[in-house]
Amino acid sequence: MIDLTTFEQLQANVGTAFVVELVDTFGEEAPALLAELRSAQAAGDGERFRRAAHALKSNGNAFGALHFAAQARTLELGGMPPDTVPVEALAQEFERTLAALREHVRG
């Protein structure tokens, strides 16, 4: 779920304490971005949808959360899906990803 090489490189570059803060911030901000995806999809606003997906993808890549980032990338590049299934799948992957990140920073 988490690419340990990427995650450990992040820790080496910025320090473990700061990575803990980054993970906490991700845990606070990603739900708002997921809500933005849902809202943009409901409104038919493709640009807002793309920006939210891009932000989620970038956050995932920074942590080495490759599966999460790949799902967000698919939404970013593929445009709004006709139903909510892909967005809800990303939301579920966020929960798994956040749990894994928290385990790595505390483990």
PDB file of N, CA and C in Angstrom:
ATOM      1  N   MET A   1       0.825  -1.194   0.000  1.00  0.00           N
ATOM      2  CA  MET A   1       0.000   0.000   0.000  1.00  0.00           C
ATOM      3  C   MET A   1       0.873   1.263   0.000  1.00  0.00           C
ATOM      4  N   ILE A   2       1.906   1.301   0.846  1.00  0.00           N
ATOM      5  CA  ILE A   2       2.817   2.442   0.897  1.00  0.00           C
ATOM      6  C   ILE A   2       4.172   1.994   0.381  1.00  0.00           C
ATOM      7  N   ASP A   3       4.728   2.728  -0.571  1.00  0.00           N
ATOM      8  CA  ASP A   3       6.066   2.449  -1.054  1.00  0.00           C
ATOM      9  C   ASP A   3       7.055   2.935   0.006  1.00  0.00           C
ATOM     10  N   LEU A   4       7.673   1.984   0.690  1.00  0.00           N
ATOM     11  CA  LEU A   4       8.528   2.332   1.827  1.00  0.00           C
ATOM     12  C   LEU A   4       9.745   3.144   1.422  1.00  0.00           C
ATOM     13  N   THR A   5      10.270   2.930   0.236  1.00  0.00           N
ATOM     14  CA  THR A   5      11.419   3.718  -0.210  1.00  0.00           C
ATOM     15  C   THR A   5      11.053   5.189  -0.284  1.00  0.00           C
ATOM     16  N   THR A   6       9.926   5.493  -0.886  1.00  0.00           N
ATOM     17  CA  THR A   6       9.467   6.880  -0.990  1.00  0.00           C
ATOM     18  C   THR A   6       9.186   7.460   0.391  1.00  0.00           C
ATOM     19  N   PHE A   7       8.496   6.689   1.221  1.00  0.00           N
ATOM     20  CA  PHE A   7       8.145   7.160   2.555  1.00  0.00           C
ATOM     21  C   PHE A   7       9.391   7.415   3.397  1.00  0.00           C
ATOM     22  N   GLU A   8      10.335   6.499   3.365  1.00  0.00           N
ATOM     23  CA  GLU A   8      11.568   6.665   4.147  1.00  0.00           C
ATOM     24  C   GLU A   8      12.410   7.809   3.619  1.00  0.00           C
ATOM     25  N   GLN A   9      12.401   8.027   2.314  1.00  0.00           N
ATOM     26  CA  GLN A   9      13.123   9.160   1.736  1.00  0.00           C
ATOM     27  C   GLN A   9      12.502  10.478   2.210  1.00  0.00           C
ATOM     28  N   LEU A  10      11.185  10.525   2.273  1.00  0.00           N
ATOM     29  CA  LEU A  10      10.508  11.710   2.793  1.00  0.00           C
ATOM     30  C   LEU A  10      10.932  11.962   4.237  1.00  0.00           C
ATOM     31  N   GLN A  11      10.949  10.913   5.043  1.00  0.00           N
ATOM     32  CA  GLN A  11      11.372  11.056   6.437  1.00  0.00           C
ATOM     33  C   GLN A  11      12.814  11.537   6.531  1.00  0.00           C
ATOM     34  N   ALA A  12      13.682  11.008   5.692  1.00  0.00           N
ATOM     35  CA  ALA A  12      15.090  11.410   5.715  1.00  0.00           C
ATOM     36  C   ALA A  12      15.247  12.868   5.305  1.00  0.00           C
ATOM     37  N   ASN A  13      14.422  13.313   4.374  1.00  0.00           N
ATOM     38  CA  ASN A  13      14.529  14.689   3.869  1.00  0.00           C
ATOM     39  C   ASN A  13      13.976  15.732   4.824  1.00  0.00           C
ATOM     40  N   VAL A  14      12.862  15.420   5.481  1.00  0.00           N
ATOM     41  CA  VAL A  14      12.208  16.450   6.300  1.00  0.00           C
ATOM     42  C   VAL A  14      12.148  16.107   7.778  1.00  0.00           C
ATOM     43  N   GLY A  15      12.481  14.884   8.140  1.00  0.00           N
ATOM     44  CA  GLY A  15      12.453  14.479   9.538  1.00  0.00           C
ATOM     45  C   GLY A  15      11.146  13.807   9.916  1.00  0.00           C
ATOM     46  N   THR A  16      11.260  12.885  10.837  1.00  0.00           N
ATOM     47  CA  THR A  16      10.102  12.102  11.251  1.00  0.00           C
ATOM     48  C   THR A  16       9.019  12.970  11.879  1.00  0.00           C
ATOM     49  N   ALA A  17       9.408  13.917  12.710  1.00  0.00           N
ATOM     50  CA  ALA A  17       8.413  14.768  13.383  1.00  0.00           C
ATOM     51  C   ALA A  17       7.578  15.540  12.364  1.00  0.00           C
ATOM     52  N   PHE A  18       8.224  16.038  11.326  1.00  0.00           N
ATOM     53  CA  PHE A  18       7.482  16.789  10.320  1.00  0.00           C
ATOM     54  C   PHE A  18       6.590  15.861   9.494  1.00  0.00           C
ATOM     55  N   VAL A  19       7.053  14.635   9.238  1.00  0.00           N
ATOM     56  CA  VAL A  19       6.227  13.678   8.505  1.00  0.00           C
ATOM     57  C   VAL A  19       4.963  13.357   9.304  1.00  0.00           C
ATOM     58  N   VAL A  20       5.093  13.259  10.627  1.00  0.00           N
ATOM     59  CA  VAL A  20       3.914  13.045  11.474  1.00  0.00           C
ATOM     60  C   VAL A  20       2.924  14.189  11.261  1.00  0.00           C
ATOM     61  N   GLU A  21       3.417  15.416  11.235  1.00  0.00           N
ATOM     62  CA  GLU A  21       2.549  16.579  10.987  1.00  0.00           C
ATOM     63  C   GLU A  21       1.908  16.506   9.601  1.00  0.00           C
ATOM     64  N   LEU A  22       2.714  16.112   8.606  1.00  0.00           N
ATOM     65  CA  LEU A  22       2.184  16.007   7.245  1.00  0.00           C
ATOM     66  C   LEU A  22       1.075  14.963   7.155  1.00  0.00           C
ATOM     67  N   VAL A  23       1.276  13.834   7.810  1.00  0.00           N
ATOM     68  CA  VAL A  23       0.253  12.778   7.800  1.00  0.00           C
ATOM     69  C   VAL A  23      -1.010  13.278   8.485  1.00  0.00           C
ATOM     70  N   ASP A  24      -0.844  13.964   9.609  1.00  0.00           N
ATOM     71  CA  ASP A  24      -2.012  14.516  10.304  1.00  0.00           C
ATOM     72  C   ASP A  24      -2.749  15.529   9.430  1.00  0.00           C
ATOM     73  N   THR A  25      -1.998  16.367   8.735  1.00  0.00           N
ATOM     74  CA  THR A  25      -2.605  17.355   7.843  1.00  0.00           C
ATOM     75  C   THR A  25      -3.328  16.664   6.693  1.00  0.00           C
ATOM     76  N   PHE A  26      -2.717  15.638   6.144  1.00  0.00           N
ATOM     77  CA  PHE A  26      -3.362  14.853   5.089  1.00  0.00           C
ATOM     78  C   PHE A  26      -4.680  14.274   5.595  1.00  0.00           C
ATOM     79  N   GLY A  27      -4.660  13.759   6.811  1.00  0.00           N
ATOM     80  CA  GLY A  27      -5.867  13.205   7.411  1.00  0.00           C
ATOM     81  C   GLY A  27      -6.966  14.227   7.613  1.00  0.00           C
ATOM     82  N   GLU A  28      -6.583  15.480   7.801  1.00  0.00           N
ATOM     83  CA  GLU A  28      -7.555  16.562   7.988  1.00  0.00           C
ATOM     84  C   GLU A  28      -8.040  17.137   6.659  1.00  0.00           C
ATOM     85  N   GLU A  29      -7.140  17.250   5.676  1.00  0.00           N
ATOM     86  CA  GLU A  29      -7.473  17.944   4.435  1.00  0.00           C
ATOM     87  C   GLU A  29      -8.051  17.051   3.341  1.00  0.00           C
ATOM     88  N   ALA A  30      -7.652  15.803   3.299  1.00  0.00           N
ATOM     89  CA  ALA A  30      -8.138  14.923   2.231  1.00  0.00           C
ATOM     90  C   ALA A  30      -9.658  14.743   2.264  1.00  0.00           C
ATOM     91  N   PRO A  31     -10.290  14.609   3.440  1.00  0.00           N
ATOM     92  CA  PRO A  31     -11.753  14.503   3.421  1.00  0.00           C
ATOM     93  C   PRO A  31     -12.431  15.713   2.761  1.00  0.00           C
ATOM     94  N   ALA A  32     -11.862  16.895   2.938  1.00  0.00           N
ATOM     95  CA  ALA A  32     -12.424  18.080   2.285  1.00  0.00           C
ATOM     96  C   ALA A  32     -12.244  17.997   0.768  1.00  0.00           C
ATOM     97  N   LEU A  33     -11.111  17.480   0.332  1.00  0.00           N
ATOM     98  CA  LEU A  33     -10.895  17.315  -1.107  1.00  0.00           C
ATOM     99  C   LEU A  33     -11.812  16.245  -1.686  1.00  0.00           C
ATOM    100  N   LEU A  34     -12.050  15.189  -0.929  1.00  0.00           N
ATOM    101  CA  LEU A  34     -13.006  14.178  -1.374  1.00  0.00           C
ATOM    102  C   LEU A  34     -14.417  14.766  -1.454  1.00  0.00           C
ATOM    103  N   ALA A  35     -14.771  15.604  -0.494  1.00  0.00           N
ATOM    104  CA  ALA A  35     -16.069  16.295  -0.543  1.00  0.00           C
ATOM    105  C   ALA A  35     -16.134  17.220  -1.746  1.00  0.00           C
ATOM    106  N   GLU A  36     -15.012  17.844  -2.074  1.00  0.00           N
ATOM    107  CA  GLU A  36     -14.947  18.715  -3.254  1.00  0.00           C
ATOM    108  C   GLU A  36     -15.168  17.895  -4.531  1.00  0.00           C
ATOM    109  N   LEU A  37     -14.595  16.695  -4.584  1.00  0.00           N
ATOM    110  CA  LEU A  37     -14.842  15.815  -5.732  1.00  0.00           C
ATOM    111  C   LEU A  37     -16.335  15.531  -5.873  1.00  0.00           C
ATOM    112  N   ARG A  38     -16.952  15.170  -4.764  1.00  0.00           N
ATOM    113  CA  ARG A  38     -18.384  14.840  -4.790  1.00  0.00           C
ATOM    114  C   ARG A  38     -19.220  16.051  -5.222  1.00  0.00           C
ATOM    115  N   SER A  39     -18.897  17.203  -4.650  1.00  0.00           N
ATOM    116  CA  SER A  39     -19.637  18.426  -4.963  1.00  0.00           C
ATOM    117  C   SER A  39     -19.455  18.821  -6.430  1.00  0.00           C
ATOM    118  N   ALA A  40     -18.225  18.755  -6.902  1.00  0.00           N
ATOM    119  CA  ALA A  40     -17.958  19.106  -8.304  1.00  0.00           C
ATOM    120  C   ALA A  40     -18.664  18.136  -9.241  1.00  0.00           C
ATOM    121  N   GLN A  41     -18.670  16.860  -8.873  1.00  0.00           N
ATOM    122  CA  GLN A  41     -19.354  15.866  -9.707  1.00  0.00           C
ATOM    123  C   GLN A  41     -20.853  16.148  -9.758  1.00  0.00           C
ATOM    124  N   ALA A  42     -21.430  16.447  -8.606  1.00  0.00           N
ATOM    125  CA  ALA A  42     -22.864  16.738  -8.548  1.00  0.00           C
ATOM    126  C   ALA A  42     -23.215  17.989  -9.358  1.00  0.00           C
ATOM    127  N   ALA A  43     -22.292  18.958  -9.365  1.00  0.00           N
ATOM    128  CA  ALA A  43     -22.527  20.212 -10.088  1.00  0.00           C
ATOM    129  C   ALA A  43     -22.124  20.130 -11.564  1.00  0.00           C
ATOM    130  N   GLY A  44     -21.484  19.037 -11.934  1.00  0.00           N
ATOM    131  CA  GLY A  44     -21.018  18.919 -13.310  1.00  0.00           C
ATOM    132  C   GLY A  44     -19.843  19.830 -13.619  1.00  0.00           C
ATOM    133  N   ASP A  45     -19.049  20.164 -12.606  1.00  0.00           N
ATOM    134  CA  ASP A  45     -17.915  21.081 -12.759  1.00  0.00           C
ATOM    135  C   ASP A  45     -16.626  20.283 -12.937  1.00  0.00           C
ATOM    136  N   GLY A  46     -16.282  20.034 -14.176  1.00  0.00           N
ATOM    137  CA  GLY A  46     -15.130  19.211 -14.502  1.00  0.00           C
ATOM    138  C   GLY A  46     -13.811  19.789 -14.047  1.00  0.00           C
ATOM    139  N   GLU A  47     -13.656  21.085 -14.119  1.00  0.00           N
ATOM    140  CA  GLU A  47     -12.387  21.708 -13.717  1.00  0.00           C
ATOM    141  C   GLU A  47     -12.178  21.588 -12.210  1.00  0.00           C
ATOM    142  N   ARG A  48     -13.193  21.855 -11.434  1.00  0.00           N
ATOM    143  CA  ARG A  48     -13.094  21.685  -9.969  1.00  0.00           C
ATOM    144  C   ARG A  48     -12.805  20.232  -9.617  1.00  0.00           C
ATOM    145  N   PHE A  49     -13.446  19.328 -10.308  1.00  0.00           N
ATOM    146  CA  PHE A  49     -13.243  17.901 -10.094  1.00  0.00           C
ATOM    147  C   PHE A  49     -11.782  17.542 -10.377  1.00  0.00           C
ATOM    148  N   ARG A  50     -11.262  17.996 -11.493  1.00  0.00           N
ATOM    149  CA  ARG A  50      -9.881  17.699 -11.880  1.00  0.00           C
ATOM    150  C   ARG A  50      -8.889  18.255 -10.868  1.00  0.00           C
ATOM    151  N   ARG A  51      -9.105  19.487 -10.409  1.00  0.00           N
ATOM    152  CA  ARG A  51      -8.184  20.100  -9.434  1.00  0.00           C
ATOM    153  C   ARG A  51      -8.163  19.332  -8.118  1.00  0.00           C
ATOM    154  N   ALA A  52      -9.313  18.912  -7.641  1.00  0.00           N
ATOM    155  CA  ALA A  52      -9.376  18.153  -6.391  1.00  0.00           C
ATOM    156  C   ALA A  52      -8.682  16.802  -6.557  1.00  0.00           C
ATOM    157  N   ALA A  53      -8.926  16.136  -7.681  1.00  0.00           N
ATOM    158  CA  ALA A  53      -8.280  14.847  -7.940  1.00  0.00           C
ATOM    159  C   ALA A  53      -6.765  15.016  -8.046  1.00  0.00           C
ATOM    160  N   HIS A  54      -6.333  16.094  -8.679  1.00  0.00           N
ATOM    161  CA  HIS A  54      -4.900  16.377  -8.813  1.00  0.00           C
ATOM    162  C   HIS A  54      -4.250  16.571  -7.439  1.00  0.00           C
ATOM    163  N   ALA A  55      -4.899  17.324  -6.574  1.00  0.00           N
ATOM    164  CA  ALA A  55      -4.350  17.557  -5.233  1.00  0.00           C
ATOM    165  C   ALA A  55      -4.239  16.250  -4.455  1.00  0.00           C
ATOM    166  N   LEU A  56      -5.247  15.410  -4.553  1.00  0.00           N
ATOM    167  CA  LEU A  56      -5.205  14.119  -3.864  1.00  0.00           C
ATOM    168  C   LEU A  56      -4.097  13.238  -4.430  1.00  0.00           C
ATOM    169  N   LYS A  57      -3.944  13.245  -5.738  1.00  0.00           N
ATOM    170  CA  LYS A  57      -2.887  12.466  -6.381  1.00  0.00           C
ATOM    171  C   LYS A  57      -1.517  12.931  -5.909  1.00  0.00           C
ATOM    172  N   SER A  58      -1.313  14.222  -5.879  1.00  0.00           N
ATOM    173  CA  SER A  58      -0.020  14.768  -5.463  1.00  0.00           C
ATOM    174  C   SER A  58       0.298  14.407  -4.020  1.00  0.00           C
ATOM    175  N   ASN A  59      -0.686  14.508  -3.148  1.00  0.00           N
ATOM    176  CA  ASN A  59      -0.478  14.131  -1.752  1.00  0.00           C
ATOM    177  C   ASN A  59      -0.119  12.658  -1.634  1.00  0.00           C
ATOM    178  N   GLY A  60      -0.839  11.821  -2.333  1.00  0.00           N
ATOM    179  CA  GLY A  60      -0.552  10.392  -2.292  1.00  0.00           C
ATOM    180  C   GLY A  60       0.846  10.070  -2.777  1.00  0.00           C
ATOM    181  N   ASN A  61       1.252  10.682  -3.878  1.00  0.00           N
ATOM    182  CA  ASN A  61       2.591  10.442  -4.401  1.00  0.00           C
ATOM    183  C   ASN A  61       3.669  10.888  -3.433  1.00  0.00           C
ATOM    184  N   ALA A  62       3.463  11.992  -2.754  1.00  0.00           N
ATOM    185  CA  ALA A  62       4.461  12.496  -1.812  1.00  0.00           C
ATOM    186  C   ALA A  62       4.740  11.495  -0.700  1.00  0.00           C
ATOM    187  N   PHE A  63       3.717  10.762  -0.281  1.00  0.00           N
ATOM    188  CA  PHE A  63       3.865   9.786   0.793  1.00  0.00           C
ATOM    189  C   PHE A  63       4.254   8.396   0.303  1.00  0.00           C
ATOM    190  N   GLY A  64       4.220   8.179  -0.995  1.00  0.00           N
ATOM    191  CA  GLY A  64       4.459   6.841  -1.513  1.00  0.00           C
ATOM    192  C   GLY A  64       3.212   5.979  -1.480  1.00  0.00           C
ATOM    193  N   ALA A  65       2.053   6.614  -1.381  1.00  0.00           N
ATOM    194  CA  ALA A  65       0.775   5.904  -1.393  1.00  0.00           C
ATOM    195  C   ALA A  65       0.372   5.698  -2.853  1.00  0.00           C
ATOM    196  N   LEU A  66       1.039   4.754  -3.486  1.00  0.00           N
ATOM    197  CA  LEU A  66       0.958   4.627  -4.936  1.00  0.00           C
ATOM    198  C   LEU A  66      -0.420   4.206  -5.439  1.00  0.00           C
ATOM    199  N   HIS A  67      -1.087   3.303  -4.737  1.00  0.00           N
ATOM    200  CA  HIS A  67      -2.412   2.864  -5.187  1.00  0.00           C
ATOM    201  C   HIS A  67      -3.419   4.014  -5.071  1.00  0.00           C
ATOM    202  N   PHE A  68      -3.389   4.714  -3.946  1.00  0.00           N
ATOM    203  CA  PHE A  68      -4.259   5.875  -3.758  1.00  0.00           C
ATOM    204  C   PHE A  68      -3.985   6.918  -4.843  1.00  0.00           C
ATOM    205  N   ALA A  69      -2.717   7.224  -5.069  1.00  0.00           N
ATOM    206  CA  ALA A  69      -2.348   8.227  -6.071  1.00  0.00           C
ATOM    207  C   ALA A  69      -2.789   7.797  -7.467  1.00  0.00           C
ATOM    208  N   ALA A  70      -2.668   6.509  -7.766  1.00  0.00           N
ATOM    209  CA  ALA A  70      -3.082   6.020  -9.085  1.00  0.00           C
ATOM    210  C   ALA A  70      -4.588   6.165  -9.281  1.00  0.00           C
ATOM    211  N   GLN A  71      -5.354   5.876  -8.241  1.00  0.00           N
ATOM    212  CA  GLN A  71      -6.810   6.043  -8.349  1.00  0.00           C
ATOM    213  C   GLN A  71      -7.161   7.519  -8.556  1.00  0.00           C
ATOM    214  N   ALA A  72      -6.505   8.402  -7.823  1.00  0.00           N
ATOM    215  CA  ALA A  72      -6.762   9.835  -7.982  1.00  0.00           C
ATOM    216  C   ALA A  72      -6.350  10.308  -9.378  1.00  0.00           C
ATOM    217  N   ARG A  73      -5.238   9.772  -9.878  1.00  0.00           N
ATOM    218  CA  ARG A  73      -4.757  10.138 -11.215  1.00  0.00           C
ATOM    219  C   ARG A  73      -5.777   9.725 -12.274  1.00  0.00           C
ATOM    220  N   THR A  74      -6.345   8.551 -12.123  1.00  0.00           N
ATOM    221  CA  THR A  74      -7.361   8.086 -13.062  1.00  0.00           C
ATOM    222  C   THR A  74      -8.532   9.064 -13.104  1.00  0.00           C
ATOM    223  N   LEU A  75      -8.945   9.550 -11.923  1.00  0.00           N
ATOM    224  CA  LEU A  75     -10.041  10.532 -11.892  1.00  0.00           C
ATOM    225  C   LEU A  75      -9.602  11.860 -12.494  1.00  0.00           C
ATOM    226  N   GLU A  76      -8.377  12.267 -12.198  1.00  0.00           N
ATOM    227  CA  GLU A  76      -7.868  13.539 -12.720  1.00  0.00           C
ATOM    228  C   GLU A  76      -7.840  13.535 -14.250  1.00  0.00           C
ATOM    229  N   LEU A  77      -7.305  12.477 -14.816  1.00  0.00           N
ATOM    230  CA  LEU A  77      -7.123  12.430 -16.267  1.00  0.00           C
ATOM    231  C   LEU A  77      -8.350  11.926 -17.018  1.00  0.00           C
ATOM    232  N   GLY A  78      -9.162  11.129 -16.343  1.00  0.00           N
ATOM    233  CA  GLY A  78     -10.313  10.534 -17.004  1.00  0.00           C
ATOM    234  C   GLY A  78     -11.559  11.387 -16.977  1.00  0.00           C
ATOM    235  N   GLY A  79     -11.525  12.435 -16.187  1.00  0.00           N
ATOM    236  CA  GLY A  79     -12.710  13.266 -16.081  1.00  0.00           C
ATOM    237  C   GLY A  79     -13.728  12.669 -15.134  1.00  0.00           C
ATOM    238  N   MET A  80     -14.826  13.353 -15.027  1.00  0.00           N
ATOM    239  CA  MET A  80     -15.855  12.912 -14.092  1.00  0.00           C
ATOM    240  C   MET A  80     -16.498  11.617 -14.570  1.00  0.00           C
ATOM    241  N   PRO A  81     -16.538  10.629 -13.700  1.00  0.00           N
ATOM    242  CA  PRO A  81     -17.207   9.381 -14.069  1.00  0.00           C
ATOM    243  C   PRO A  81     -18.722   9.580 -14.073  1.00  0.00           C
ATOM    244  N   PRO A  82     -19.452   8.707 -14.758  1.00  0.00           N
ATOM    245  CA  PRO A  82     -20.907   8.860 -14.834  1.00  0.00           C
ATOM    246  C   PRO A  82     -21.628   8.519 -13.528  1.00  0.00           C
ATOM    247  N   ASP A  83     -20.918   7.845 -12.610  1.00  0.00           N
ATOM    248  CA  ASP A  83     -21.534   7.525 -11.319  1.00  0.00           C
ATOM    249  C   ASP A  83     -20.531   7.818 -10.203  1.00  0.00           C
ATOM    250  N   THR A  84     -20.927   7.591  -8.981  1.00  0.00           N
ATOM    251  CA  THR A  84     -20.084   7.940  -7.834  1.00  0.00           C
ATOM    252  C   THR A  84     -19.173   6.807  -7.381  1.00  0.00           C
ATOM    253  N   VAL A  85     -19.249   5.664  -8.021  1.00  0.00           N
ATOM    254  CA  VAL A  85     -18.473   4.500  -7.580  1.00  0.00           C
ATOM    255  C   VAL A  85     -16.965   4.789  -7.517  1.00  0.00           C
ATOM    256  N   PRO A  86     -16.339   5.377  -8.555  1.00  0.00           N
ATOM    257  CA  PRO A  86     -14.898   5.629  -8.465  1.00  0.00           C
ATOM    258  C   PRO A  86     -14.514   6.609  -7.350  1.00  0.00           C
ATOM    259  N   VAL A  87     -15.335   7.597  -7.103  1.00  0.00           N
ATOM    260  CA  VAL A  87     -15.050   8.557  -6.035  1.00  0.00           C
ATOM    261  C   VAL A  87     -15.162   7.875  -4.677  1.00  0.00           C
ATOM    262  N   GLU A  88     -16.173   7.059  -4.510  1.00  0.00           N
ATOM    263  CA  GLU A  88     -16.329   6.348  -3.231  1.00  0.00           C
ATOM    264  C   GLU A  88     -15.217   5.311  -3.047  1.00  0.00           C
ATOM    265  N   ALA A  89     -14.750   4.706  -4.130  1.00  0.00           N
ATOM    266  CA  ALA A  89     -13.620   3.781  -4.043  1.00  0.00           C
ATOM    267  C   ALA A  89     -12.364   4.526  -3.602  1.00  0.00           C
ATOM    268  N   LEU A  90     -12.178   5.738  -4.101  1.00  0.00           N
ATOM    269  CA  LEU A  90     -11.036   6.551  -3.680  1.00  0.00           C
ATOM    270  C   LEU A  90     -11.163   6.924  -2.204  1.00  0.00           C
ATOM    271  N   ALA A  91     -12.367   7.238  -1.763  1.00  0.00           N
ATOM    272  CA  ALA A  91     -12.585   7.569  -0.351  1.00  0.00           C
ATOM    273  C   ALA A  91     -12.252   6.380   0.546  1.00  0.00           C
ATOM    274  N   GLN A  92     -12.612   5.193   0.117  1.00  0.00           N
ATOM    275  CA  GLN A  92     -12.280   3.992   0.894  1.00  0.00           C
ATOM    276  C   GLN A  92     -10.773   3.748   0.897  1.00  0.00           C
ATOM    277  N   GLU A  93     -10.138   3.976  -0.238  1.00  0.00           N
ATOM    278  CA  GLU A  93      -8.685   3.810  -0.306  1.00  0.00           C
ATOM    279  C   GLU A  93      -7.992   4.854   0.564  1.00  0.00           C
ATOM    280  N   PHE A  94      -8.561   6.046   0.651  1.00  0.00           N
ATOM    281  CA  PHE A  94      -8.003   7.063   1.548  1.00  0.00           C
ATOM    282  C   PHE A  94      -7.981   6.551   2.981  1.00  0.00           C
ATOM    283  N   GLU A  95      -9.041   5.945   3.428  1.00  0.00           N
ATOM    284  CA  GLU A  95      -9.099   5.431   4.799  1.00  0.00           C
ATOM    285  C   GLU A  95      -8.017   4.385   5.034  1.00  0.00           C
ATOM    286  N   ARG A  96      -7.845   3.484   4.092  1.00  0.00           N
ATOM    287  CA  ARG A  96      -6.796   2.461   4.217  1.00  0.00           C
ATOM    288  C   ARG A  96      -5.407   3.099   4.191  1.00  0.00           C
ATOM    289  N   THR A  97      -5.239   4.071   3.305  1.00  0.00           N
ATOM    290  CA  THR A  97      -3.954   4.748   3.163  1.00  0.00           C
ATOM    291  C   THR A  97      -3.596   5.515   4.422  1.00  0.00           C
ATOM    292  N   LEU A  98      -4.550   6.243   4.958  1.00  0.00           N
ATOM    293  CA  LEU A  98      -4.290   7.014   6.173  1.00  0.00           C
ATOM    294  C   LEU A  98      -3.917   6.098   7.332  1.00  0.00           C
ATOM    295  N   ALA A  99      -4.607   4.989   7.463  1.00  0.00           N
ATOM    296  CA  ALA A  99      -4.282   4.035   8.522  1.00  0.00           C
ATOM    297  C   ALA A  99      -2.862   3.502   8.355  1.00  0.00           C
ATOM    298  N   ALA A 100      -2.488   3.187   7.123  1.00  0.00           N
ATOM    299  CA  ALA A 100      -1.133   2.676   6.860  1.00  0.00           C
ATOM    300  C   ALA A 100      -0.084   3.739   7.145  1.00  0.00           C
ATOM    301  N   LEU A 101      -0.348   4.976   6.749  1.00  0.00           N
ATOM    302  CA  LEU A 101       0.609   6.065   7.006  1.00  0.00           C
ATOM    303  C   LEU A 101       0.781   6.280   8.506  1.00  0.00           C
ATOM    304  N   ARG A 102      -0.323   6.275   9.226  1.00  0.00           N
ATOM    305  CA  ARG A 102      -0.231   6.460  10.673  1.00  0.00           C
ATOM    306  C   ARG A 102       0.544   5.321  11.325  1.00  0.00           C
ATOM    307  N   GLU A 103       0.362   4.134  10.824  1.00  0.00           N
ATOM    308  CA  GLU A 103       1.108   2.992  11.347  1.00  0.00           C
ATOM    309  C   GLU A 103       2.609   3.166  11.099  1.00  0.00           C
ATOM    310  N   HIS A 104       2.966   3.652   9.927  1.00  0.00           N
ATOM    311  CA  HIS A 104       4.379   3.833   9.598  1.00  0.00           C
ATOM    312  C   HIS A 104       5.034   4.943  10.425  1.00  0.00           C
ATOM    313  N   VAL A 105       4.320   6.021  10.675  1.00  0.00           N
ATOM    314  CA  VAL A 105       4.941   7.107  11.441  1.00  0.00           C
ATOM    315  C   VAL A 105       5.016   6.800  12.926  1.00  0.00           C
ATOM    316  N   ARG A 106       4.162   5.921  13.386  1.00  0.00           N
ATOM    317  CA  ARG A 106       4.170   5.592  14.808  1.00  0.00           C
ATOM    318  C   ARG A 106       4.889   4.272  15.093  1.00  0.00           C
ATOM    319  N   GLY A 107       5.163   3.521  14.020  1.00  0.00           N
ATOM    320  CA  GLY A 107       5.761   2.210  14.188  1.00  0.00           C
ATOM    321  C   GLY A 107       7.235   2.265  14.219  1.00  0.00           C
TER     322      GLY A 107
END
